[in-house]
Amino acid sequence: MVIKRDKIEIISDILTSIQEKNNKIKITHILYKANLSYNKLKEYLDELLNKNLIEEYYDKKHKYFRLTKKGNEYLEKIKQMTKFIETFDI
């Protein structure tokens, strides 16, 4: 049985992967950690960029992503909600 992740879980995986790499991660690393196709990941990254949860920047010739302050706050709220939901053990 395949269990699909919902949108919040996918966004959490993307933001967590960025946070774990100290806000300096290339798209290919996000791709592997979030376990998404390139096209799906691109859709999510565009949405996160538009909502100012992440930003992209260039270091020499490579493009990296990092969380914004808003992105850090959003991720923290997701973690709090997840812990709260897990306390019900349904």
Protein backbone atom coordinates (compact mmCIF):
# COMPACT_ATOMS: atom_id res chain seq x y z
CA MET A 1 0.00 0.00 0.00
CA VAL A 2 1.38 3.38 -1.03
CA ILE A 3 0.69 6.26 1.32
CA LYS A 4 0.69 9.62 -0.41
CA ARG A 5 2.04 12.65 1.35
CA ASP A 6 -0.16 15.69 1.55
CA LYS A 7 0.91 19.16 0.51
CA ILE A 8 1.91 20.20 4.04
CA GLU A 9 4.17 17.15 4.41
CA ILE A 10 5.86 17.86 1.09
CA ILE A 11 6.40 21.52 1.95
CA SER A 12 7.73 20.48 5.34
CA ASP A 13 10.17 18.06 3.68
CA ILE A 14 11.40 20.78 1.33
CA LEU A 15 11.81 23.41 4.05
CA THR A 16 13.45 20.92 6.41
CA SER A 17 15.93 19.86 3.75
CA ILE A 18 16.91 23.51 3.26
CA GLN A 19 17.18 24.12 7.00
CA GLU A 20 19.29 20.99 7.55
CA LYS A 21 21.85 22.22 5.05
CA ASN A 22 22.23 25.52 6.92
CA ASN A 23 20.27 27.43 4.30
CA LYS A 24 22.67 26.64 1.48
CA ILE A 25 21.34 23.87 -0.70
CA LYS A 26 21.21 23.22 -4.42
CA ILE A 27 18.04 22.14 -6.16
CA THR A 28 19.38 18.62 -6.81
CA HIS A 29 19.87 18.02 -3.09
CA ILE A 30 16.35 19.23 -2.34
CA LEU A 31 15.13 16.92 -5.09
CA TYR A 32 16.66 13.85 -3.43
CA LYS A 33 15.71 14.76 0.12
CA ALA A 34 12.11 15.67 -0.74
CA ASN A 35 11.76 12.64 -3.03
CA LEU A 36 9.95 14.47 -5.82
CA SER A 37 10.19 14.62 -9.58
CA TYR A 38 11.94 17.68 -10.96
CA ASN A 39 8.71 19.13 -12.39
CA LYS A 40 6.79 18.69 -9.11
CA LEU A 41 9.66 20.14 -7.09
CA LYS A 42 9.86 23.13 -9.44
CA GLU A 43 6.14 23.78 -8.87
CA TYR A 44 6.59 23.71 -5.10
CA LEU A 45 9.72 25.89 -5.20
CA ASP A 46 7.94 28.47 -7.36
CA GLU A 47 5.07 28.57 -4.88
CA LEU A 48 7.41 28.85 -1.89
CA LEU A 49 9.36 31.63 -3.64
CA ASN A 50 6.14 33.51 -4.45
CA LYS A 51 5.01 33.24 -0.82
CA ASN A 52 8.42 34.46 0.40
CA LEU A 53 9.10 31.30 2.42
CA ILE A 54 12.37 30.68 0.57
CA GLU A 55 14.74 32.71 -1.55
CA GLU A 56 17.30 31.81 -4.12
CA TYR A 57 20.77 33.26 -4.36
CA TYR A 58 23.91 32.69 -6.35
CA ASP A 59 27.35 31.88 -5.00
CA LYS A 60 29.86 32.09 -7.83
CA LYS A 61 28.17 30.01 -10.53
CA HIS A 62 25.76 27.89 -8.46
CA LYS A 63 22.19 28.63 -7.44
CA TYR A 64 21.23 27.89 -3.85
CA PHE A 65 18.08 28.14 -1.78
CA ARG A 66 17.63 29.35 1.78
CA LEU A 67 14.75 29.91 4.14
CA THR A 68 13.50 33.39 4.81
CA LYS A 69 12.49 34.48 8.30
CA LYS A 70 8.90 33.77 7.27
CA GLY A 71 9.95 30.31 6.03
CA ASN A 72 11.63 29.49 9.35
CA GLU A 73 8.52 30.58 11.23
CA TYR A 74 6.28 28.56 8.92
CA LEU A 75 8.40 25.43 9.35
CA GLU A 76 8.35 25.84 13.12
CA LYS A 77 4.54 26.05 13.08
CA ILE A 78 4.33 22.89 10.96
CA LYS A 79 6.55 21.06 13.47
CA GLN A 80 4.39 22.26 16.36
CA MET A 81 1.20 21.13 14.61
CA THR A 82 2.71 17.74 13.81
CA LYS A 83 3.73 17.19 17.44
CA PHE A 84 0.29 18.26 18.62
CA ILE A 85 -1.48 15.89 16.20
CA GLU A 86 0.80 13.00 17.21
CA THR A 87 -0.28 13.38 20.86
CA PHE A 88 -3.74 12.12 19.90
CA ASP A 89 -2.33 8.90 18.40
CA ILE A 90 -5.36 8.23 16.24
